[in-house]
Amino acid sequence: MSDYSYVGGELELFAKARRWKHYLVKTVGRFIRGDVLEVGAGIGGTTRVFCSGQESSWTCLEPDEELAQQMRTCFAMNPPPLEPSIRTEFVRDLGEETTFDTILYVDVLEHIEDDRKEMAASSRLLRSGGHLIVIGPAHQWLFSQFDVAVGHYRRYSCESLADTVPQPLRPTMLRYLDSLGIALSATNRLILRSGSPSPRQIAFWDRVVVPISQRLDPLLAWRVGKSVVGVWKMP
């Protein structure tokens, strides 16, 4: 059991961004299979959307005991398609005999100070043919008071995210998402300077901006966006 305590308070707010999460599933869902490890599962918002029930198993790793307990309560009241195993540990605590077909980081890696060490630890748990999936905030120039408030160490470019992933993993996908949303992030960074978006702002982004971005992103060849997505395969 860990004594880690998560400093952010945005998990419940972003758990309501269902269109955004479904867009992420549409982007990376085909790589999620077999035994899945979700790192930094929080209160289970990502689990509920990403877990289809077709996986062999789903392990939620959440070192904050309070968040893990919230997740257990939530899943007991409204179970996901596949009952997950919830563990209050870090990746480094898992023995190398515990391996997975998919390892998933959704808005987690930017919270970890030594991201390269974290990726090295994860790669040791990935089976041959398995996929490491990382989704996070893009562009360091967008780093704002919100990033500080929720405990982000950095934001990523495609290049800087790729630099964290060790050999012999091979890139399968590396792109930006949410091309229109980058304008909202830039407005907050340069003008509003808000420490946290309001529920109304999140609802507007999820209901209006995300569907437009979903149409624009392929037209822009996924070269613009406020989030970065990377998928790597273990040969």
Protein backbone atom coordinates (compact mmCIF):
# COMPACT_ATOMS: atom_id res chain seq x y z
CA MET A 1 0.00 0.00 0.00
CA SER A 2 1.23 3.51 -0.85
CA ASP A 3 1.07 6.69 1.23
CA TYR A 4 1.02 8.80 -1.94
CA SER A 5 -1.58 11.59 -2.14
CA TYR A 6 -2.63 13.12 -5.45
CA VAL A 7 -2.54 16.94 -5.41
CA GLY A 8 -4.99 17.66 -8.24
CA GLY A 9 -8.71 18.17 -7.87
CA GLU A 10 -9.83 17.98 -11.49
CA LEU A 11 -10.66 14.27 -11.80
CA GLU A 12 -14.41 14.53 -11.22
CA LEU A 13 -14.58 17.54 -13.53
CA PHE A 14 -12.91 15.80 -16.47
CA ALA A 15 -14.70 12.50 -15.83
CA LYS A 16 -17.74 14.20 -17.35
CA ALA A 17 -15.93 14.84 -20.66
CA ARG A 18 -17.46 11.77 -22.26
CA ARG A 19 -17.12 12.86 -25.89
CA TRP A 20 -13.42 13.52 -25.41
CA LYS A 21 -12.82 10.13 -23.82
CA HIS A 22 -14.78 8.37 -26.56
CA TYR A 23 -12.66 10.21 -29.14
CA LEU A 24 -9.56 8.87 -27.40
CA VAL A 25 -10.99 5.35 -27.44
CA LYS A 26 -11.71 5.69 -31.16
CA THR A 27 -8.08 6.72 -31.67
CA VAL A 28 -6.29 4.05 -29.62
CA GLY A 29 -8.95 1.45 -28.82
CA ARG A 30 -7.71 -1.05 -31.39
CA PHE A 31 -4.43 -1.36 -29.46
CA ILE A 32 -6.11 -2.17 -26.13
CA ARG A 33 -6.35 -5.92 -25.72
CA GLY A 34 -5.41 -8.86 -23.53
CA ASP A 35 -4.29 -8.14 -20.00
CA VAL A 36 -4.40 -4.36 -19.49
CA LEU A 37 -2.59 -2.23 -16.92
CA GLU A 38 -4.02 1.27 -16.47
CA VAL A 39 -1.51 3.43 -14.61
CA GLY A 40 -2.88 6.28 -12.48
CA ALA A 41 -6.50 5.20 -12.74
CA GLY A 42 -7.73 7.95 -10.39
CA ILE A 43 -11.43 7.55 -9.64
CA GLY A 44 -12.04 5.24 -12.61
CA GLY A 45 -13.35 7.72 -15.18
CA THR A 46 -11.02 6.46 -17.90
CA THR A 47 -11.58 2.82 -16.96
CA ARG A 48 -15.30 3.14 -17.41
CA VAL A 49 -14.95 4.44 -20.96
CA PHE A 50 -11.88 2.56 -22.20
CA CYS A 51 -12.72 -0.89 -20.82
CA SER A 52 -14.94 -2.64 -23.38
CA GLY A 53 -15.22 -5.98 -21.59
CA GLN A 54 -13.43 -7.76 -24.44
CA GLU A 55 -10.08 -7.62 -22.63
CA SER A 56 -8.74 -10.64 -20.71
CA SER A 57 -8.23 -8.62 -17.52
CA TRP A 58 -8.00 -4.99 -16.40
CA THR A 59 -5.73 -3.80 -13.60
CA CYS A 60 -6.15 -0.28 -12.21
CA LEU A 61 -3.00 1.04 -10.57
CA GLU A 62 -3.77 3.99 -8.28
CA PRO A 63 -1.28 4.77 -5.50
CA ASP A 64 -3.58 7.28 -3.77
CA GLU A 65 -5.59 5.13 -1.35
CA GLU A 66 -8.39 7.71 -1.06
CA LEU A 67 -8.87 7.84 -4.84
CA ALA A 68 -8.66 4.05 -5.04
CA GLN A 69 -11.40 3.74 -2.44
CA GLN A 70 -13.60 6.19 -4.37
CA MET A 71 -13.02 4.03 -7.43
CA ARG A 72 -14.00 0.86 -5.58
CA THR A 73 -17.19 2.50 -4.32
CA CYS A 74 -18.06 3.81 -7.77
CA PHE A 75 -17.48 0.44 -9.42
CA ALA A 76 -19.51 -1.34 -6.74
CA MET A 77 -22.47 0.93 -7.47
CA ASN A 78 -22.08 0.85 -11.25
CA PRO A 79 -19.75 -1.95 -12.40
CA PRO A 80 -17.77 -1.57 -15.64
CA PRO A 81 -18.05 -4.32 -18.30
CA LEU A 82 -15.06 -6.16 -16.81
CA GLU A 83 -14.41 -6.18 -13.07
CA PRO A 84 -11.00 -4.56 -12.59
CA SER A 85 -8.33 -5.39 -10.07
CA ILE A 86 -7.49 -2.21 -8.10
CA ARG A 87 -3.98 -1.97 -6.69
CA THR A 88 -2.58 0.92 -4.62
CA GLU A 89 0.96 0.65 -5.93
CA PHE A 90 3.39 2.26 -8.36
CA VAL A 91 4.69 0.59 -11.51
CA ARG A 92 8.07 0.22 -9.84
CA ASP A 93 6.44 -1.91 -7.13
CA LEU A 94 5.24 -4.57 -9.59
CA GLY A 95 7.45 -7.59 -10.04
CA GLU A 96 8.71 -8.31 -13.53
CA GLU A 97 6.80 -11.61 -13.47
CA THR A 98 3.61 -9.48 -13.64
CA THR A 99 3.37 -8.69 -17.35
CA PHE A 100 0.72 -7.15 -19.59
CA ASP A 101 -0.37 -6.94 -23.22
CA THR A 102 -1.33 -3.28 -22.89
CA ILE A 103 -0.06 -0.54 -20.58
CA LEU A 104 -2.09 2.64 -20.60
CA TYR A 105 -1.26 6.16 -19.37
CA VAL A 106 -4.05 8.71 -19.84
CA ASP A 107 -3.06 12.16 -18.54
CA VAL A 108 -0.66 10.58 -16.05
CA LEU A 109 2.94 10.71 -17.30
CA GLU A 110 3.12 14.51 -16.98
CA HIS A 111 2.53 14.07 -13.21
CA ILE A 112 5.64 11.89 -12.84
CA GLU A 113 8.90 13.73 -12.22
CA ASP A 114 11.21 11.10 -13.73
CA ASP A 115 9.20 10.15 -16.80
CA ARG A 116 12.06 8.29 -18.49
CA LYS A 117 12.53 6.04 -15.47
CA GLU A 118 8.77 5.42 -15.42
CA MET A 119 8.74 4.40 -19.10
CA ALA A 120 11.72 2.11 -18.55
CA ALA A 121 9.89 0.42 -15.65
CA SER A 122 6.73 0.00 -17.74
CA SER A 123 8.59 -1.42 -20.72
CA ARG A 124 9.90 -4.25 -18.53
CA LEU A 125 6.29 -5.30 -17.83
CA LEU A 126 5.19 -5.30 -21.48
CA ARG A 127 4.87 -8.61 -23.28
CA SER A 128 6.16 -9.29 -26.77
CA GLY A 129 3.69 -7.80 -29.27
CA GLY A 130 2.12 -5.64 -26.55
CA HIS A 131 1.44 -1.92 -26.73
CA LEU A 132 2.38 1.02 -24.52
CA ILE A 133 -0.14 3.86 -24.92
CA VAL A 134 0.50 7.37 -23.58
CA ILE A 135 -1.89 10.34 -23.82
CA GLY A 136 -0.99 13.69 -22.31
CA PRO A 137 -1.12 17.47 -22.61
CA ALA A 138 0.79 18.97 -25.54
CA HIS A 139 3.13 21.94 -25.99
CA GLN A 140 5.24 23.37 -23.20
CA TRP A 141 4.37 26.90 -24.32
CA LEU A 142 0.81 26.17 -23.14
CA PHE A 143 2.01 25.39 -19.60
CA SER A 144 -0.32 27.39 -17.34
CA GLN A 145 -1.47 27.91 -13.77
CA PHE A 146 -3.81 24.97 -14.28
CA ASP A 147 -0.82 22.69 -14.97
CA VAL A 148 0.82 23.92 -11.78
CA ALA A 149 -2.38 23.46 -9.76
CA VAL A 150 -2.83 19.80 -10.76
CA GLY A 151 0.82 18.85 -10.33
CA HIS A 152 2.09 18.70 -13.91
CA TYR A 153 5.87 18.71 -14.34
CA ARG A 154 5.68 19.37 -18.09
CA ARG A 155 3.70 19.23 -21.29
CA TYR A 156 4.89 17.21 -24.30
CA SER A 157 5.60 17.52 -27.97
CA CYS A 158 5.55 14.41 -30.14
CA GLU A 159 9.33 14.50 -30.09
CA SER A 160 9.78 14.96 -26.34
CA LEU A 161 7.24 12.22 -25.59
CA ALA A 162 9.03 9.83 -27.96
CA ASP A 163 12.31 10.61 -26.20
CA THR A 164 10.98 9.16 -22.94
CA VAL A 165 10.31 5.71 -24.41
CA PRO A 166 13.23 3.25 -24.37
CA GLN A 167 14.40 0.72 -26.91
CA PRO A 168 13.38 -1.79 -28.13
CA LEU A 169 9.83 -0.35 -28.27
CA ARG A 170 8.90 0.80 -31.75
CA PRO A 171 6.51 3.70 -32.51
CA THR A 172 3.15 2.75 -34.00
CA MET A 173 1.34 6.09 -33.65
CA LEU A 174 2.47 9.58 -32.68
CA ARG A 175 0.07 12.47 -33.25
CA TYR A 176 -1.72 15.48 -31.83
CA LEU A 177 -5.46 15.61 -31.07
CA ASP A 178 -7.96 18.43 -30.50
CA SER A 179 -6.87 21.04 -33.03
CA LEU A 180 -9.62 23.48 -32.08
CA GLY A 181 -9.08 22.93 -28.36
CA ILE A 182 -5.58 24.33 -28.64
CA ALA A 183 -7.14 27.76 -29.17
CA LEU A 184 -9.00 27.47 -25.85
CA SER A 185 -5.83 26.39 -24.06
CA ALA A 186 -3.90 29.28 -25.60
CA THR A 187 -6.59 31.74 -24.49
CA ASN A 188 -6.36 30.43 -20.92
CA ARG A 189 -2.56 30.51 -20.98
CA LEU A 190 -2.16 33.98 -22.47
CA ILE A 191 -5.30 35.88 -21.41
CA LEU A 192 -7.47 34.27 -18.75
CA ARG A 193 -4.65 32.72 -16.71
CA SER A 194 -7.17 30.56 -14.86
CA GLY A 195 -5.99 27.99 -12.32
CA SER A 196 -8.88 25.65 -13.19
CA PRO A 197 -11.59 25.47 -15.87
CA SER A 198 -15.17 25.73 -14.70
CA PRO A 199 -17.74 22.95 -15.21
CA ARG A 200 -19.39 25.18 -17.80
CA GLN A 201 -16.14 25.55 -19.72
CA ILE A 202 -15.53 21.80 -19.66
CA ALA A 203 -19.07 21.15 -20.88
CA PHE A 204 -18.66 23.63 -23.76
CA TRP A 205 -15.34 22.12 -24.77
CA ASP A 206 -16.68 18.55 -24.62
CA ARG A 207 -20.00 19.21 -26.38
CA VAL A 208 -18.97 21.79 -28.96
CA VAL A 209 -15.20 21.88 -29.45
CA VAL A 210 -14.35 18.18 -29.36
CA PRO A 211 -16.78 17.15 -32.15
CA ILE A 212 -15.37 19.89 -34.39
CA SER A 213 -11.80 18.86 -33.59
CA GLN A 214 -12.69 15.28 -34.41
CA ARG A 215 -13.51 16.40 -37.96
CA LEU A 216 -10.61 18.84 -38.28
CA ASP A 217 -7.80 16.67 -36.91
CA PRO A 218 -7.52 14.27 -39.89
CA LEU A 219 -7.77 17.20 -42.32
CA LEU A 220 -4.76 18.72 -40.55
CA ALA A 221 -2.98 15.35 -40.61
CA TRP A 222 -2.97 15.29 -36.78
CA ARG A 223 -0.20 17.90 -36.71
CA VAL A 224 -2.06 20.34 -34.43
CA GLY A 225 -3.71 19.80 -31.07
CA LYS A 226 -3.66 20.41 -27.34
CA SER A 227 -3.11 16.72 -26.55
CA VAL A 228 -0.47 14.29 -27.76
CA VAL A 229 -0.99 10.56 -28.31
CA GLY A 230 1.75 7.97 -28.61
CA VAL A 231 1.56 4.22 -29.12
CA TRP A 232 4.61 1.93 -29.06
CA LYS A 233 4.88 -1.80 -29.69
CA MET A 234 7.18 -4.30 -28.05
CA PRO A 235 8.73 -6.42 -30.84
